[in-house]
Amino acid sequence: MIFRQLFDAASSTYTYLLGDPASRQAVIVDTVFEQHLRDRALVDELGLTLVAALDTHCHADHVTGAWLMQQATGCRIGISRRYGEAVQGADLRLDDGDRVVFGARHLAVRATPGHTDGCLSYVADDRRFALTGDCLLIRSAGRCDFQHGDAHTLFRSISERLFTLPDDCLIFPGHDYAGRTVSSIGEERAHNPRIGGGADERDFVGFMENLNLPHPRQIAVAVPANLRSGRPEDGKVPCPADWGPVRQSYAGLLEIEPEWVAEHRAEVHVLDVRDPGELDERLGRIAGAQCIPLSELQARLAEVPADRPLVPVCHAGMRSGQATVILRQAGFARVANLHGGMLLWRQLGLPVVHG
């Protein structure tokens, strides 16, 4: 199985991308609104077809990116059926015992309420791992003091629905605040200070009901947004740029396609950062491009005009990617790397000049 664990530092949220290598179908779990460009780029770069964006529950500490992923890929949005019509936009209402299928693989749905009354955990078809959301965390467990949470219910969810998995079943949680990434059922049963080591329900409930934690900082924003499956109030998909169809790669670089640049050549300023000796080679250069080698760019920033969007270019897009970073750090807001560089430009048969 294709498996990727992604992290949002602002909310300490883990997102999981799972794919079937044969069919290239995939699901994403607990995607974060602000990370949708990263997540979409990874789906594209791995050649996957997203069939579902799943949430383990209605989050209070971040806004889900499920709606944005649906707009980008046409995937379904999955969440617990327990939320009913309170959650708008979800078209995959999940119950305990359901399966979410992607190619030849599937996730088994286990209802694990307690943190909220609609929490789900997703167990791999071979039971080698479980995505436990905010139910069972690494050496911890999800708080129970809002959104109809209940410590007694959470105890039963963990002990009866998760601790019944094999000891070597890995657990991947929805959050971690100490840099930990993975544990196992056996580890948590033995060492979890809230519910492991033979703790009974009284021990667990007493611990959980005396945490006295402040509410999540984003709760007033996150919960209403998540009741819309992450759809903004204006219903508009946020774009990384207002001047063209700029996209973000998984590496975090803003890129734009050669065809668009060729069609809108007069509207952008092309900056060729190759060395002078490369400009007359077989790839040629784009007519009207300003030529400043990457090694000189930092010292010659004053020569770069700011009246039009900038499109750095090089042989294959690597050096121009670094030029994009340098320009943005210098305060040029409208910059996007030419995807594929001159190699792709020529492969597409777009015009060049020599000499």
Protein backbone atom coordinates (compact mmCIF):
# COMPACT_ATOMS: atom_id res chain seq x y z
CA MET A 1 0.00 0.00 0.00
CA ILE A 2 1.13 3.53 -0.72
CA PHE A 3 1.26 5.32 2.65
CA ARG A 4 2.21 8.91 3.41
CA GLN A 5 2.00 10.69 6.77
CA LEU A 6 1.85 14.49 6.42
CA PHE A 7 2.03 17.13 9.15
CA ASP A 8 0.51 20.56 9.73
CA ALA A 9 2.71 22.40 12.23
CA ALA A 10 0.14 25.08 13.08
CA SER A 11 -2.37 22.57 14.48
CA SER A 12 -0.05 19.58 15.02
CA THR A 13 -2.40 17.59 12.79
CA TYR A 14 -1.43 14.45 10.89
CA THR A 15 -2.93 13.84 7.46
CA TYR A 16 -2.72 10.43 5.82
CA LEU A 17 -2.69 9.58 2.12
CA LEU A 18 -3.28 5.91 1.30
CA GLY A 19 -3.19 4.42 -2.18
CA ASP A 20 -3.53 1.14 -4.02
CA PRO A 21 -0.40 0.69 -6.18
CA ALA A 22 -2.20 -1.28 -8.90
CA SER A 23 -5.28 0.85 -9.55
CA ARG A 24 -3.72 4.12 -8.30
CA GLN A 25 -6.94 4.86 -6.41
CA ALA A 26 -6.42 6.63 -3.08
CA VAL A 27 -8.07 8.12 -0.01
CA ILE A 28 -6.91 10.99 2.18
CA VAL A 29 -7.74 11.23 5.88
CA ASP A 30 -7.94 14.42 7.98
CA THR A 31 -6.67 16.85 5.37
CA VAL A 32 -6.13 20.44 6.58
CA PHE A 33 -7.59 23.46 4.74
CA GLU A 34 -4.32 25.43 4.65
CA GLN A 35 -2.44 22.39 3.32
CA HIS A 36 -4.74 21.54 0.42
CA LEU A 37 -2.23 22.66 -2.22
CA ARG A 38 0.44 20.42 -0.70
CA ASP A 39 -1.94 17.47 -0.48
CA ARG A 40 -3.30 17.91 -3.99
CA ALA A 41 0.24 18.18 -5.37
CA LEU A 42 1.25 14.91 -3.73
CA VAL A 43 -1.80 13.16 -5.16
CA ASP A 44 -0.90 14.48 -8.62
CA GLU A 45 2.82 13.73 -8.39
CA LEU A 46 2.16 10.13 -7.31
CA GLY A 47 -0.28 9.67 -10.18
CA LEU A 48 -3.19 8.84 -7.88
CA THR A 49 -6.94 9.22 -8.34
CA LEU A 50 -8.52 10.40 -5.11
CA VAL A 51 -11.81 8.62 -4.44
CA ALA A 52 -12.54 9.94 -0.94
CA ALA A 53 -11.52 12.61 1.56
CA LEU A 54 -12.32 11.21 4.99
CA ASP A 55 -12.44 12.89 8.37
CA THR A 56 -12.13 11.00 11.63
CA HIS A 57 -14.52 13.51 13.24
CA CYS A 58 -15.71 17.12 13.13
CA HIS A 59 -12.52 18.87 14.23
CA ALA A 60 -12.30 21.80 16.63
CA ASP A 61 -8.64 22.74 16.15
CA HIS A 62 -8.39 23.09 12.38
CA VAL A 63 -10.59 23.44 9.32
CA THR A 64 -10.84 20.35 7.16
CA GLY A 65 -9.62 20.47 3.57
CA ALA A 66 -12.19 17.88 2.44
CA TRP A 67 -14.33 20.29 0.40
CA LEU A 68 -11.27 21.73 -1.33
CA MET A 69 -10.05 18.25 -2.24
CA GLN A 70 -13.49 17.43 -3.62
CA GLN A 71 -13.47 20.58 -5.75
CA ALA A 72 -10.03 19.69 -7.09
CA THR A 73 -10.53 15.97 -7.71
CA GLY A 74 -14.24 15.16 -7.63
CA CYS A 75 -13.74 12.78 -4.70
CA ARG A 76 -16.43 11.99 -2.15
CA ILE A 77 -16.41 13.42 1.39
CA GLY A 78 -16.73 10.91 4.21
CA ILE A 79 -17.64 11.41 7.87
CA SER A 80 -19.64 9.61 10.57
CA ARG A 81 -23.35 9.17 9.93
CA ARG A 82 -23.92 10.20 13.56
CA TYR A 83 -23.52 13.84 12.61
CA GLY A 84 -26.58 13.58 10.39
CA GLU A 85 -27.58 16.71 8.53
CA ALA A 86 -25.56 18.86 10.94
CA VAL A 87 -22.59 18.32 8.60
CA GLN A 88 -23.36 19.63 5.12
CA GLY A 89 -21.57 18.53 1.98
CA ALA A 90 -20.60 15.01 3.03
CA ASP A 91 -21.85 12.38 0.58
CA LEU A 92 -20.28 9.34 2.23
CA ARG A 93 -22.00 8.82 5.60
CA LEU A 94 -20.11 6.11 7.44
CA ASP A 95 -21.26 3.61 10.06
CA ASP A 96 -19.40 1.08 12.18
CA GLY A 97 -18.55 -1.91 10.00
CA ASP A 98 -18.52 -0.01 6.70
CA ARG A 99 -15.64 -0.26 4.26
CA VAL A 100 -14.03 2.53 2.28
CA VAL A 101 -12.69 0.87 -0.86
CA PHE A 102 -9.84 2.17 -3.02
CA GLY A 103 -8.80 -0.25 -5.73
CA ALA A 104 -8.07 -3.65 -4.23
CA ARG A 105 -7.61 -2.21 -0.75
CA HIS A 106 -10.01 -0.92 1.87
CA LEU A 107 -10.24 0.72 5.27
CA ALA A 108 -12.60 -0.83 7.80
CA VAL A 109 -14.63 1.76 9.71
CA ARG A 110 -14.84 1.46 13.49
CA ALA A 111 -17.02 3.82 15.49
CA THR A 112 -14.89 5.12 18.37
CA PRO A 113 -16.92 7.91 20.02
CA GLY A 114 -15.92 9.66 23.22
CA HIS A 115 -13.71 12.53 22.12
CA THR A 116 -16.79 13.58 20.15
CA ASP A 117 -19.89 11.51 19.58
CA GLY A 118 -19.03 11.09 15.89
CA CYS A 119 -15.43 9.87 16.04
CA LEU A 120 -14.33 7.13 13.66
CA SER A 121 -11.14 5.10 13.41
CA TYR A 122 -10.04 3.54 10.12
CA VAL A 123 -8.36 0.12 10.21
CA ALA A 124 -6.31 -1.23 7.30
CA ASP A 125 -7.73 -4.30 5.59
CA ASP A 126 -4.79 -6.43 6.79
CA ARG A 127 -5.02 -4.90 10.30
CA ARG A 128 -1.39 -3.82 10.15
CA PHE A 129 -2.29 -0.27 11.13
CA ALA A 130 -5.15 1.91 12.32
CA LEU A 131 -5.77 5.62 11.90
CA THR A 132 -7.16 6.48 15.33
CA GLY A 133 -7.89 10.19 14.93
CA ASP A 134 -8.30 11.94 18.29
CA CYS A 135 -9.54 8.82 20.06
CA LEU A 136 -6.27 7.06 20.91
CA LEU A 137 -3.16 9.22 20.77
CA ILE A 138 0.46 8.25 21.40
CA ARG A 139 0.70 7.88 25.20
CA SER A 140 -2.48 9.91 25.47
CA ALA A 141 -6.16 10.06 24.52
CA GLY A 142 -8.44 12.72 23.11
CA ARG A 143 -10.08 15.18 25.50
CA CYS A 144 -13.78 14.65 26.26
CA ASP A 145 -15.02 18.05 27.44
CA PHE A 146 -16.81 19.44 24.36
CA GLN A 147 -18.83 18.38 21.27
CA HIS A 148 -20.76 15.77 23.27
CA GLY A 149 -17.58 14.07 24.43
CA ASP A 150 -17.78 11.55 27.24
CA ALA A 151 -14.91 9.89 29.11
CA HIS A 152 -16.86 6.71 29.88
CA THR A 153 -17.67 6.29 26.20
CA LEU A 154 -14.07 6.96 25.18
CA PHE A 155 -12.80 4.34 27.62
CA ARG A 156 -15.06 1.74 26.05
CA SER A 157 -14.11 2.80 22.52
CA ILE A 158 -10.41 2.39 23.20
CA SER A 159 -10.64 -0.77 25.29
CA GLU A 160 -13.29 -2.56 23.20
CA ARG A 161 -12.78 -1.21 19.67
CA LEU A 162 -9.03 -0.52 19.48
CA PHE A 163 -7.29 -2.58 22.15
CA THR A 164 -8.91 -5.66 20.57
CA LEU A 165 -6.65 -5.20 17.53
CA PRO A 166 -3.37 -7.21 17.39
CA ASP A 167 -0.53 -5.98 19.58
CA ASP A 168 1.65 -5.34 16.52
CA CYS A 169 -1.01 -3.23 14.80
CA LEU A 170 0.53 0.21 14.37
CA ILE A 171 -1.46 3.26 15.36
CA PHE A 172 -1.20 6.55 13.54
CA PRO A 173 -3.00 9.31 15.48
CA GLY A 174 -4.66 12.52 14.38
CA HIS A 175 -2.26 14.69 16.39
CA ASP A 176 0.95 14.67 18.32
CA TYR A 177 2.48 17.59 20.18
CA ALA A 178 5.89 16.08 20.95
CA GLY A 179 7.21 14.97 17.57
CA ARG A 180 6.07 11.35 17.87
CA THR A 181 4.75 9.74 14.69
CA VAL A 182 3.67 6.16 15.38
CA SER A 183 3.01 3.67 18.16
CA SER A 184 1.36 0.26 18.39
CA ILE A 185 -1.63 -1.25 20.14
CA GLY A 186 0.69 -3.31 22.35
CA GLU A 187 2.72 -0.27 23.36
CA GLU A 188 -0.32 1.79 24.24
CA ARG A 189 -1.99 -1.03 26.12
CA ALA A 190 1.15 -1.37 28.23
CA HIS A 191 2.40 2.19 28.57
CA ASN A 192 -0.34 4.73 27.89
CA PRO A 193 -0.53 6.77 31.13
CA ARG A 194 -4.26 7.42 30.71
CA ILE A 195 -5.60 3.99 29.82
CA GLY A 196 -2.70 1.51 29.69
CA GLY A 197 -1.08 -0.69 32.30
CA GLY A 198 -4.30 -2.19 33.59
CA ALA A 199 -6.13 1.09 34.23
CA ASP A 200 -9.85 0.60 34.76
CA GLU A 201 -12.72 2.87 33.78
CA ARG A 202 -12.63 4.76 37.08
CA ASP A 203 -8.93 5.52 36.65
CA PHE A 204 -9.44 6.75 33.12
CA VAL A 205 -12.53 8.86 33.80
CA GLY A 206 -10.94 10.43 36.87
CA PHE A 207 -7.89 11.40 34.83
CA MET A 208 -9.85 12.75 31.87
CA GLU A 209 -12.37 14.75 33.89
CA ASN A 210 -9.63 16.66 35.67
CA LEU A 211 -7.51 17.82 32.74
CA ASN A 212 -8.85 21.40 32.94
CA LEU A 213 -7.64 22.28 29.45
CA PRO A 214 -8.44 25.56 27.67
CA HIS A 215 -10.64 25.25 24.60
CA PRO A 216 -8.79 24.98 21.26
CA ARG A 217 -7.86 28.40 19.89
CA GLN A 218 -9.58 27.75 16.57
CA ILE A 219 -12.81 26.23 17.90
CA ALA A 220 -15.03 29.23 17.06
CA VAL A 221 -13.81 29.17 13.45
CA ALA A 222 -13.15 25.47 12.93
CA VAL A 223 -16.41 23.92 14.09
CA PRO A 224 -18.76 26.08 11.95
CA ALA A 225 -16.50 25.60 8.93
CA ASN A 226 -16.29 21.85 9.48
CA LEU A 227 -20.07 21.63 9.65
CA ARG A 228 -19.82 22.77 6.00
CA SER A 229 -17.13 20.13 5.28
CA GLY A 230 -14.61 22.97 5.05
CA ARG A 231 -16.43 24.96 2.38
CA PRO A 232 -15.68 28.70 2.80
CA GLU A 233 -18.69 30.90 3.48
CA ASP A 234 -18.32 32.54 0.06
CA GLY A 235 -18.04 29.15 -1.65
CA LYS A 236 -14.83 30.15 -3.43
CA VAL A 237 -11.71 28.04 -3.76
CA PRO A 238 -8.68 30.04 -2.56
CA CYS A 239 -6.02 30.41 -5.25
CA PRO A 240 -2.26 30.82 -4.72
CA ALA A 241 -2.17 33.68 -7.25
CA ASP A 242 -4.61 36.12 -8.82
CA TRP A 243 -2.69 36.64 -12.06
CA GLY A 244 -2.65 33.15 -13.55
CA PRO A 245 -3.25 29.41 -12.95
CA VAL A 246 -0.38 29.01 -10.50
CA ARG A 247 -0.11 25.72 -8.64
CA GLN A 248 2.04 24.58 -5.73
CA SER A 249 4.25 21.52 -6.04
CA TYR A 250 4.66 19.03 -3.20
CA ALA A 251 8.10 20.61 -2.63
CA GLY A 252 6.29 23.89 -1.94
CA LEU A 253 7.30 25.71 -5.12
CA LEU A 254 4.80 27.83 -7.02
CA GLU A 255 4.74 26.78 -10.68
CA ILE A 256 2.96 27.73 -13.88
CA GLU A 257 2.56 25.75 -17.09
CA PRO A 258 4.48 26.68 -20.27
CA GLU A 259 1.36 26.78 -22.47
CA TRP A 260 -0.21 29.51 -20.34
CA VAL A 261 2.98 31.57 -20.36
CA ALA A 262 3.22 31.28 -24.15
CA GLU A 263 -0.40 32.42 -24.56
CA HIS A 264 0.04 35.36 -22.15
CA ARG A 265 3.63 36.25 -23.01
CA ALA A 266 3.02 40.03 -23.00
CA GLU A 267 1.50 39.90 -19.52
CA VAL A 268 4.49 38.35 -17.73
CA HIS A 269 8.21 39.03 -17.40
CA VAL A 270 10.33 35.95 -18.15
CA LEU A 271 13.63 35.78 -16.27
CA ASP A 272 16.17 33.30 -17.68
CA VAL A 273 18.64 32.30 -14.93
CA ARG A 274 20.87 30.03 -17.02
CA ASP A 275 24.51 30.87 -17.60
CA PRO A 276 25.23 32.94 -20.77
CA GLY A 277 26.84 30.03 -22.59
CA GLU A 278 23.62 28.01 -22.38
CA LEU A 279 21.42 30.55 -24.13
CA ASP A 280 22.54 29.65 -27.66
CA GLU A 281 22.44 25.89 -27.18
CA ARG A 282 19.84 23.75 -28.99
CA LEU A 283 17.06 24.62 -26.50
CA GLY A 284 17.31 28.30 -27.38
CA ARG A 285 15.60 30.92 -25.25
CA ILE A 286 12.22 32.60 -24.92
CA ALA A 287 11.98 35.82 -26.91
CA GLY A 288 12.24 38.92 -24.76
CA ALA A 289 13.44 37.07 -21.67
CA GLN A 290 15.73 38.97 -19.30
CA CYS A 291 18.92 37.00 -18.65
CA ILE A 292 20.50 37.07 -15.19
CA PRO A 293 22.47 33.96 -14.11
CA LEU A 294 21.26 32.48 -10.84
CA SER A 295 24.67 33.05 -9.26
CA GLU A 296 24.26 36.81 -9.87
CA LEU A 297 20.57 37.19 -9.08
CA GLN A 298 20.88 38.19 -5.44
CA ALA A 299 23.25 41.04 -6.32
CA ARG A 300 21.17 42.19 -9.31
CA LEU A 301 17.66 42.19 -7.85
CA ALA A 302 17.34 45.92 -8.56
CA GLU A 303 17.40 45.10 -12.29
CA VAL A 304 14.31 42.90 -12.03
CA PRO A 305 11.09 44.79 -12.83
CA ALA A 306 8.15 44.52 -10.45
CA ASP A 307 5.38 45.79 -12.72
CA ARG A 308 4.45 42.35 -14.09
CA PRO A 309 4.35 38.78 -12.73
CA LEU A 310 7.75 37.09 -12.90
CA VAL A 311 8.37 33.67 -14.47
CA PRO A 312 11.92 32.39 -13.87
CA VAL A 313 13.16 29.72 -16.31
CA CYS A 314 16.24 27.51 -16.66
CA HIS A 315 17.15 24.21 -18.35
CA ALA A 316 14.73 21.93 -16.46
CA GLY A 317 13.24 24.04 -13.68
CA MET A 318 15.61 23.39 -10.78
CA ARG A 319 17.70 26.57 -10.81
CA SER A 320 14.67 28.66 -11.68
CA GLY A 321 12.92 27.09 -8.70
CA GLN A 322 15.64 28.47 -6.48
CA ALA A 323 15.33 31.82 -8.27
CA THR A 324 11.62 31.78 -7.41
CA VAL A 325 12.51 31.36 -3.73
CA ILE A 326 15.07 34.19 -3.87
CA LEU A 327 12.63 36.55 -5.57
CA ARG A 328 9.81 35.85 -3.13
CA GLN A 329 12.13 36.33 -0.17
CA ALA A 330 13.14 39.67 -1.70
CA GLY A 331 9.51 40.82 -1.72
CA PHE A 332 8.39 39.97 -5.25
CA ALA A 333 4.89 38.66 -4.57
CA ARG A 334 3.89 37.62 -8.09
CA VAL A 335 6.38 34.90 -9.01
CA ALA A 336 5.95 31.36 -10.35
CA ASN A 337 8.56 28.96 -11.69
CA LEU A 338 8.18 27.79 -15.31
CA HIS A 339 7.25 24.13 -14.91
CA GLY A 340 9.69 21.85 -16.72
CA GLY A 341 11.97 24.67 -17.84
CA MET A 342 13.17 25.00 -21.42
CA LEU A 343 13.13 21.22 -21.83
CA LEU A 344 9.35 21.06 -21.51
CA TRP A 345 8.92 24.33 -23.42
CA ARG A 346 10.68 22.78 -26.44
CA GLN A 347 8.91 19.42 -26.07
CA LEU A 348 5.62 21.29 -26.37
CA GLY A 349 6.80 22.95 -29.57
CA LEU A 350 6.61 26.46 -28.17
CA PRO A 351 8.58 29.23 -29.95
CA VAL A 352 12.21 30.03 -29.15
CA VAL A 353 14.91 32.27 -30.54
CA HIS A 354 18.62 31.62 -31.07
CA GLY A 355 21.55 34.01 -31.23
